[in-house]
Amino acid sequence: MAKVTKKIEILSLKTVREKLAYLLLYNSSSLNENKISLLVNKISVSREAVSREISKMQIDGVIRKKDNYIEILDKEGLESYLG
């Protein structure tokens, strides 16, 4: 039941940025869970759209992409994407 609720919460968010920020903040407890391919599957958005948003977030300085993983650098910055 909790998985369904989380999926509904993620899908109810409007933008790729919001969905990605939510997942990074509330669904990932370790760097291994921030693997890009796993994030793409969880938010049901194309890999290209996720890659574009990751690039923008890196420019903003809130995350860093290393190989195929994402590291959170600024948690408050990510939270600001959620409104």
C-alpha atoms as a PDB file:
ATOM      1  CA  MET A   1       0.000   0.000   0.000  1.00  0.00           C
ATOM      2  CA  ALA A   2       2.803   2.428   0.832  1.00  0.00           C
ATOM      3  CA  LYS A   3       4.366   1.905  -2.615  1.00  0.00           C
ATOM      4  CA  VAL A   4       1.095   2.803  -4.319  1.00  0.00           C
ATOM      5  CA  THR A   5       0.712   5.911  -2.173  1.00  0.00           C
ATOM      6  CA  LYS A   6       4.264   7.052  -2.976  1.00  0.00           C
ATOM      7  CA  LYS A   7       3.695   6.477  -6.702  1.00  0.00           C
ATOM      8  CA  ILE A   8       0.477   8.528  -6.581  1.00  0.00           C
ATOM      9  CA  GLU A   9       2.284  11.335  -4.736  1.00  0.00           C
ATOM     10  CA  ILE A  10       5.056  11.379  -7.336  1.00  0.00           C
ATOM     11  CA  LEU A  11       2.673  11.299 -10.288  1.00  0.00           C
ATOM     12  CA  SER A  12       0.568  14.101  -8.794  1.00  0.00           C
ATOM     13  CA  LEU A  13       3.529  16.473  -9.005  1.00  0.00           C
ATOM     14  CA  LYS A  14       3.370  18.574 -12.157  1.00  0.00           C
ATOM     15  CA  THR A  15       6.920  19.053 -13.399  1.00  0.00           C
ATOM     16  CA  VAL A  16       9.860  16.737 -13.954  1.00  0.00           C
ATOM     17  CA  ARG A  17      11.833  18.969 -11.570  1.00  0.00           C
ATOM     18  CA  GLU A  18       9.269  18.502  -8.796  1.00  0.00           C
ATOM     19  CA  LYS A  19       9.119  14.747  -9.321  1.00  0.00           C
ATOM     20  CA  LEU A  20      12.879  14.387  -9.347  1.00  0.00           C
ATOM     21  CA  ALA A  21      13.351  16.618  -6.298  1.00  0.00           C
ATOM     22  CA  TYR A  22      10.700  14.671  -4.379  1.00  0.00           C
ATOM     23  CA  LEU A  23      12.342  11.354  -5.183  1.00  0.00           C
ATOM     24  CA  LEU A  24      15.802  12.560  -4.277  1.00  0.00           C
ATOM     25  CA  LEU A  25      14.632  14.032  -0.989  1.00  0.00           C
ATOM     26  CA  TYR A  26      12.105  11.521   0.281  1.00  0.00           C
ATOM     27  CA  ASN A  27      12.709   8.232  -1.466  1.00  0.00           C
ATOM     28  CA  SER A  28      16.476   7.849  -1.457  1.00  0.00           C
ATOM     29  CA  SER A  29      18.376   7.034   1.680  1.00  0.00           C
ATOM     30  CA  SER A  30      21.720   6.332   0.054  1.00  0.00           C
ATOM     31  CA  LEU A  31      23.779   7.192  -3.010  1.00  0.00           C
ATOM     32  CA  ASN A  32      23.023   3.736  -4.447  1.00  0.00           C
ATOM     33  CA  GLU A  33      19.305   4.552  -4.550  1.00  0.00           C
ATOM     34  CA  ASN A  34      20.028   7.695  -6.552  1.00  0.00           C
ATOM     35  CA  LYS A  35      21.030   5.759  -9.647  1.00  0.00           C
ATOM     36  CA  ILE A  36      19.652   7.629 -12.637  1.00  0.00           C
ATOM     37  CA  SER A  37      18.074   4.588 -14.292  1.00  0.00           C
ATOM     38  CA  LEU A  38      16.140   3.796 -11.093  1.00  0.00           C
ATOM     39  CA  LEU A  39      14.905   7.378 -10.828  1.00  0.00           C
ATOM     40  CA  VAL A  40      13.674   7.341 -14.427  1.00  0.00           C
ATOM     41  CA  ASN A  41      11.637   4.206 -13.771  1.00  0.00           C
ATOM     42  CA  LYS A  42      10.123   5.559 -10.565  1.00  0.00           C
ATOM     43  CA  ILE A  43       8.823   8.833 -12.012  1.00  0.00           C
ATOM     44  CA  SER A  44       7.602   7.515 -15.369  1.00  0.00           C
ATOM     45  CA  VAL A  45       9.331  10.218 -17.390  1.00  0.00           C
ATOM     46  CA  SER A  46      11.665   9.807 -20.365  1.00  0.00           C
ATOM     47  CA  ARG A  47      15.367   9.455 -19.665  1.00  0.00           C
ATOM     48  CA  GLU A  48      16.033  12.511 -21.841  1.00  0.00           C
ATOM     49  CA  ALA A  49      13.706  14.707 -19.766  1.00  0.00           C
ATOM     50  CA  VAL A  50      15.318  13.495 -16.544  1.00  0.00           C
ATOM     51  CA  SER A  51      18.808  14.099 -17.964  1.00  0.00           C
ATOM     52  CA  ARG A  52      17.891  17.669 -18.946  1.00  0.00           C
ATOM     53  CA  GLU A  53      16.534  18.358 -15.478  1.00  0.00           C
ATOM     54  CA  ILE A  54      19.583  16.820 -13.806  1.00  0.00           C
ATOM     55  CA  SER A  55      21.787  19.150 -15.872  1.00  0.00           C
ATOM     56  CA  LYS A  56      19.755  22.175 -14.746  1.00  0.00           C
ATOM     57  CA  MET A  57      19.922  21.075 -11.113  1.00  0.00           C
ATOM     58  CA  GLN A  58      23.688  20.693 -11.380  1.00  0.00           C
ATOM     59  CA  ILE A  59      23.961  24.243 -12.746  1.00  0.00           C
ATOM     60  CA  ASP A  60      21.857  25.401  -9.766  1.00  0.00           C
ATOM     61  CA  GLY A  61      24.352  23.633  -7.493  1.00  0.00           C
ATOM     62  CA  VAL A  62      21.842  21.432  -5.676  1.00  0.00           C
ATOM     63  CA  ILE A  63      23.099  18.085  -6.979  1.00  0.00           C
ATOM     64  CA  ARG A  64      26.184  16.559  -8.533  1.00  0.00           C
ATOM     65  CA  LYS A  65      26.103  13.768 -11.080  1.00  0.00           C
ATOM     66  CA  LYS A  66      28.944  11.304 -10.701  1.00  0.00           C
ATOM     67  CA  ASP A  67      28.991   8.444 -13.187  1.00  0.00           C
ATOM     68  CA  ASN A  68      25.391   7.197 -13.147  1.00  0.00           C
ATOM     69  CA  TYR A  69      24.583   8.413  -9.631  1.00  0.00           C
ATOM     70  CA  ILE A  70      23.328  11.651  -8.116  1.00  0.00           C
ATOM     71  CA  GLU A  71      24.667  13.207  -4.929  1.00  0.00           C
ATOM     72  CA  ILE A  72      22.594  15.803  -3.085  1.00  0.00           C
ATOM     73  CA  LEU A  73      24.640  18.925  -2.344  1.00  0.00           C
ATOM     74  CA  ASP A  74      21.907  21.333  -1.187  1.00  0.00           C
ATOM     75  CA  LYS A  75      18.866  19.740   0.454  1.00  0.00           C
ATOM     76  CA  GLU A  76      17.154  23.085   1.048  1.00  0.00           C
ATOM     77  CA  GLY A  77      17.627  23.968  -2.600  1.00  0.00           C
ATOM     78  CA  LEU A  78      15.894  20.746  -3.620  1.00  0.00           C
ATOM     79  CA  GLU A  79      13.088  21.436  -1.165  1.00  0.00           C
ATOM     80  CA  SER A  80      12.542  24.843  -2.762  1.00  0.00           C
ATOM     81  CA  TYR A  81      11.655  23.100  -6.040  1.00  0.00           C
ATOM     82  CA  LEU A  82       8.610  21.583  -4.331  1.00  0.00           C
ATOM     83  CA  GLY A  83       6.985  24.958  -3.767  1.00  0.00           C
END
